[in-house]
Amino acid sequence: MKRLITLFIFMALFISCKPNKSPKETVAAFREYTYYHDFENADFFLIPTEENREHIEILKKMALIKPNIENEKFKDIEKNVFYKEKEITDSTAQIIVRFGQSTMSTEFKLKKNNKKWLIESIIQNQ
């Protein structure tokens, strides 16, 4: 049992310390963790602000209502998601995520912190 716990902790640290190659990959990883209700790992992709803490708390409350999505369903959902790299500089980025033909989108603003892209804010656009 101790070995299993140690292995789990090692894997979680390895995944969370892995540098993100792009802002788009950061947003995609954050979305995947939140779809699977893994908010602890999703939190590693956020700059710790009050607004981001509130966003995670809202997602946790929604998770109580919405069941966990199976792996295959997530892959089907991702086929209809479009990532637009609106603006990228050396230290900031803006990624727009749109779902299929929907007019609704989510805007992710990111900042580079110690060579790692982190989400500064998440804005739902109607």
C-alpha atoms as a PDB file:
ATOM      1  CA  MET A   1       0.000   0.000   0.000  1.00  0.00           C
ATOM      2  CA  LYS A   2       2.832   2.386   0.873  1.00  0.00           C
ATOM      3  CA  ARG A   3       4.447   1.714  -2.495  1.00  0.00           C
ATOM      4  CA  LEU A   4       1.215   2.512  -4.310  1.00  0.00           C
ATOM      5  CA  ILE A   5       0.834   5.818  -2.458  1.00  0.00           C
ATOM      6  CA  THR A   6       4.486   6.692  -3.096  1.00  0.00           C
ATOM      7  CA  LEU A   7       4.095   5.876  -6.777  1.00  0.00           C
ATOM      8  CA  PHE A   8       0.950   8.012  -7.025  1.00  0.00           C
ATOM      9  CA  ILE A   9       2.667  10.992  -5.369  1.00  0.00           C
ATOM     10  CA  PHE A  10       5.718  10.631  -7.615  1.00  0.00           C
ATOM     11  CA  MET A  11       3.522  10.513 -10.744  1.00  0.00           C
ATOM     12  CA  ALA A  12       1.518  13.557  -9.640  1.00  0.00           C
ATOM     13  CA  LEU A  13       4.709  15.544  -9.012  1.00  0.00           C
ATOM     14  CA  PHE A  14       6.214  14.432 -12.319  1.00  0.00           C
ATOM     15  CA  ILE A  15       3.102  15.451 -14.266  1.00  0.00           C
ATOM     16  CA  SER A  16       2.743  18.786 -12.482  1.00  0.00           C
ATOM     17  CA  CYS A  17       6.428  19.687 -12.913  1.00  0.00           C
ATOM     18  CA  LYS A  18       6.513  18.838 -16.599  1.00  0.00           C
ATOM     19  CA  PRO A  19       7.046  22.110 -18.495  1.00  0.00           C
ATOM     20  CA  ASN A  20       4.284  23.133 -20.863  1.00  0.00           C
ATOM     21  CA  LYS A  21       5.401  23.561 -24.417  1.00  0.00           C
ATOM     22  CA  SER A  22       2.758  26.089 -25.414  1.00  0.00           C
ATOM     23  CA  PRO A  23      -0.134  28.154 -24.027  1.00  0.00           C
ATOM     24  CA  LYS A  24      -2.558  25.999 -26.029  1.00  0.00           C
ATOM     25  CA  GLU A  25      -1.229  22.818 -24.370  1.00  0.00           C
ATOM     26  CA  THR A  26      -1.613  24.457 -20.959  1.00  0.00           C
ATOM     27  CA  VAL A  27      -5.259  25.311 -21.633  1.00  0.00           C
ATOM     28  CA  ALA A  28      -5.961  21.856 -23.092  1.00  0.00           C
ATOM     29  CA  ALA A  29      -4.392  20.135 -20.055  1.00  0.00           C
ATOM     30  CA  PHE A  30      -6.353  22.346 -17.642  1.00  0.00           C
ATOM     31  CA  ARG A  31      -9.595  21.565 -19.484  1.00  0.00           C
ATOM     32  CA  GLU A  32      -8.874  17.845 -19.448  1.00  0.00           C
ATOM     33  CA  TYR A  33      -8.198  17.787 -15.700  1.00  0.00           C
ATOM     34  CA  THR A  34     -11.400  19.727 -15.001  1.00  0.00           C
ATOM     35  CA  TYR A  35     -13.462  17.394 -17.226  1.00  0.00           C
ATOM     36  CA  TYR A  36     -12.247  14.467 -15.139  1.00  0.00           C
ATOM     37  CA  HIS A  37     -12.917  16.423 -11.908  1.00  0.00           C
ATOM     38  CA  ASP A  38      -9.224  16.325 -11.000  1.00  0.00           C
ATOM     39  CA  PHE A  39      -9.177  19.833  -9.559  1.00  0.00           C
ATOM     40  CA  GLU A  40      -6.008  19.293  -7.569  1.00  0.00           C
ATOM     41  CA  ASN A  41      -3.970  18.819 -10.757  1.00  0.00           C
ATOM     42  CA  ALA A  42      -5.982  21.438 -12.651  1.00  0.00           C
ATOM     43  CA  ASP A  43      -4.944  23.933  -9.983  1.00  0.00           C
ATOM     44  CA  PHE A  44      -1.265  23.546 -11.016  1.00  0.00           C
ATOM     45  CA  PHE A  45      -2.075  25.351 -14.272  1.00  0.00           C
ATOM     46  CA  LEU A  46      -3.530  28.438 -12.554  1.00  0.00           C
ATOM     47  CA  ILE A  47      -1.889  31.526 -11.116  1.00  0.00           C
ATOM     48  CA  PRO A  48      -3.139  31.540  -7.495  1.00  0.00           C
ATOM     49  CA  THR A  49      -5.565  34.469  -7.481  1.00  0.00           C
ATOM     50  CA  GLU A  50      -8.886  34.908  -5.709  1.00  0.00           C
ATOM     51  CA  GLU A  51     -10.685  34.876  -9.065  1.00  0.00           C
ATOM     52  CA  ASN A  52      -9.076  31.558 -10.051  1.00  0.00           C
ATOM     53  CA  ARG A  53      -9.860  30.022  -6.646  1.00  0.00           C
ATOM     54  CA  GLU A  54     -13.502  31.040  -7.122  1.00  0.00           C
ATOM     55  CA  HIS A  55     -13.497  29.527 -10.618  1.00  0.00           C
ATOM     56  CA  ILE A  56     -12.227  26.175  -9.269  1.00  0.00           C
ATOM     57  CA  GLU A  57     -14.831  26.253  -6.475  1.00  0.00           C
ATOM     58  CA  ILE A  58     -17.611  26.781  -9.045  1.00  0.00           C
ATOM     59  CA  LEU A  59     -16.277  23.864 -11.102  1.00  0.00           C
ATOM     60  CA  LYS A  60     -16.207  21.682  -7.967  1.00  0.00           C
ATOM     61  CA  LYS A  61     -19.854  22.523  -7.253  1.00  0.00           C
ATOM     62  CA  MET A  62     -20.791  21.746 -10.848  1.00  0.00           C
ATOM     63  CA  ALA A  63     -18.951  18.417 -10.559  1.00  0.00           C
ATOM     64  CA  LEU A  64     -21.343  17.364  -7.806  1.00  0.00           C
ATOM     65  CA  ILE A  65     -24.213  17.687 -10.298  1.00  0.00           C
ATOM     66  CA  LYS A  66     -22.487  16.523 -13.483  1.00  0.00           C
ATOM     67  CA  PRO A  67     -21.048  13.000 -13.557  1.00  0.00           C
ATOM     68  CA  ASN A  68     -17.443  12.351 -14.476  1.00  0.00           C
ATOM     69  CA  ILE A  69     -16.954  12.088 -18.241  1.00  0.00           C
ATOM     70  CA  GLU A  70     -15.576   8.838 -19.568  1.00  0.00           C
ATOM     71  CA  ASN A  71     -12.328   8.928 -21.535  1.00  0.00           C
ATOM     72  CA  GLU A  72     -13.975   8.198 -24.902  1.00  0.00           C
ATOM     73  CA  LYS A  73     -16.635  10.863 -24.363  1.00  0.00           C
ATOM     74  CA  PHE A  74     -13.947  13.445 -23.620  1.00  0.00           C
ATOM     75  CA  LYS A  75     -12.163  12.565 -26.868  1.00  0.00           C
ATOM     76  CA  ASP A  76     -15.464  12.985 -28.762  1.00  0.00           C
ATOM     77  CA  ILE A  77     -16.068  16.368 -27.118  1.00  0.00           C
ATOM     78  CA  GLU A  78     -12.529  17.519 -27.959  1.00  0.00           C
ATOM     79  CA  LYS A  79     -13.108  16.818 -31.664  1.00  0.00           C
ATOM     80  CA  ASN A  80     -15.548  19.750 -31.686  1.00  0.00           C
ATOM     81  CA  VAL A  81     -13.395  22.181 -29.694  1.00  0.00           C
ATOM     82  CA  PHE A  82     -11.421  24.873 -31.475  1.00  0.00           C
ATOM     83  CA  TYR A  83      -8.424  26.622 -29.926  1.00  0.00           C
ATOM     84  CA  LYS A  84      -7.502  30.005 -31.355  1.00  0.00           C
ATOM     85  CA  GLU A  85      -4.156  31.485 -30.389  1.00  0.00           C
ATOM     86  CA  LYS A  86      -5.297  35.090 -30.407  1.00  0.00           C
ATOM     87  CA  GLU A  87      -2.159  36.722 -29.080  1.00  0.00           C
ATOM     88  CA  ILE A  88       1.163  35.274 -27.948  1.00  0.00           C
ATOM     89  CA  THR A  89       4.262  37.141 -26.801  1.00  0.00           C
ATOM     90  CA  ASP A  90       7.337  35.949 -24.912  1.00  0.00           C
ATOM     91  CA  SER A  91       5.557  36.333 -21.564  1.00  0.00           C
ATOM     92  CA  THR A  92       1.795  36.536 -22.204  1.00  0.00           C
ATOM     93  CA  ALA A  93      -0.771  34.705 -24.279  1.00  0.00           C
ATOM     94  CA  GLN A  94      -4.455  34.746 -25.025  1.00  0.00           C
ATOM     95  CA  ILE A  95      -6.238  31.551 -26.111  1.00  0.00           C
ATOM     96  CA  ILE A  96      -9.894  31.471 -27.180  1.00  0.00           C
ATOM     97  CA  VAL A  97     -11.717  28.143 -26.870  1.00  0.00           C
ATOM     98  CA  ARG A  98     -14.925  27.672 -28.867  1.00  0.00           C
ATOM     99  CA  PHE A  99     -17.177  24.645 -28.824  1.00  0.00           C
ATOM    100  CA  GLY A 100     -18.353  23.549 -32.270  1.00  0.00           C
ATOM    101  CA  GLN A 101     -20.614  26.052 -34.003  1.00  0.00           C
ATOM    102  CA  SER A 102     -21.567  27.714 -30.714  1.00  0.00           C
ATOM    103  CA  THR A 103     -21.211  31.470 -30.371  1.00  0.00           C
ATOM    104  CA  MET A 104     -20.131  30.949 -26.754  1.00  0.00           C
ATOM    105  CA  SER A 105     -16.417  30.909 -26.078  1.00  0.00           C
ATOM    106  CA  THR A 106     -13.983  30.920 -23.187  1.00  0.00           C
ATOM    107  CA  GLU A 107     -11.002  33.236 -23.132  1.00  0.00           C
ATOM    108  CA  PHE A 108      -7.881  32.160 -21.278  1.00  0.00           C
ATOM    109  CA  LYS A 109      -5.231  34.752 -20.467  1.00  0.00           C
ATOM    110  CA  LEU A 110      -1.862  33.245 -19.629  1.00  0.00           C
ATOM    111  CA  LYS A 111       1.459  34.452 -18.259  1.00  0.00           C
ATOM    112  CA  LYS A 112       4.822  32.764 -18.366  1.00  0.00           C
ATOM    113  CA  ASN A 113       6.177  32.145 -14.892  1.00  0.00           C
ATOM    114  CA  ASN A 114       9.588  30.434 -14.484  1.00  0.00           C
ATOM    115  CA  LYS A 115       9.451  29.134 -18.076  1.00  0.00           C
ATOM    116  CA  LYS A 116       6.004  27.645 -17.475  1.00  0.00           C
ATOM    117  CA  TRP A 117       2.721  28.912 -18.923  1.00  0.00           C
ATOM    118  CA  LEU A 118       0.063  29.518 -16.244  1.00  0.00           C
ATOM    119  CA  ILE A 119      -3.543  30.665 -16.604  1.00  0.00           C
ATOM    120  CA  GLU A 120      -4.001  34.152 -15.218  1.00  0.00           C
ATOM    121  CA  SER A 121      -7.732  34.481 -15.878  1.00  0.00           C
ATOM    122  CA  ILE A 122     -10.676  32.664 -17.435  1.00  0.00           C
ATOM    123  CA  ILE A 123     -13.482  34.659 -19.018  1.00  0.00           C
ATOM    124  CA  GLN A 124     -16.746  33.166 -20.285  1.00  0.00           C
ATOM    125  CA  ASN A 125     -18.048  35.041 -23.347  1.00  0.00           C
ATOM    126  CA  GLN A 126     -21.694  34.779 -24.320  1.00  0.00           C
END
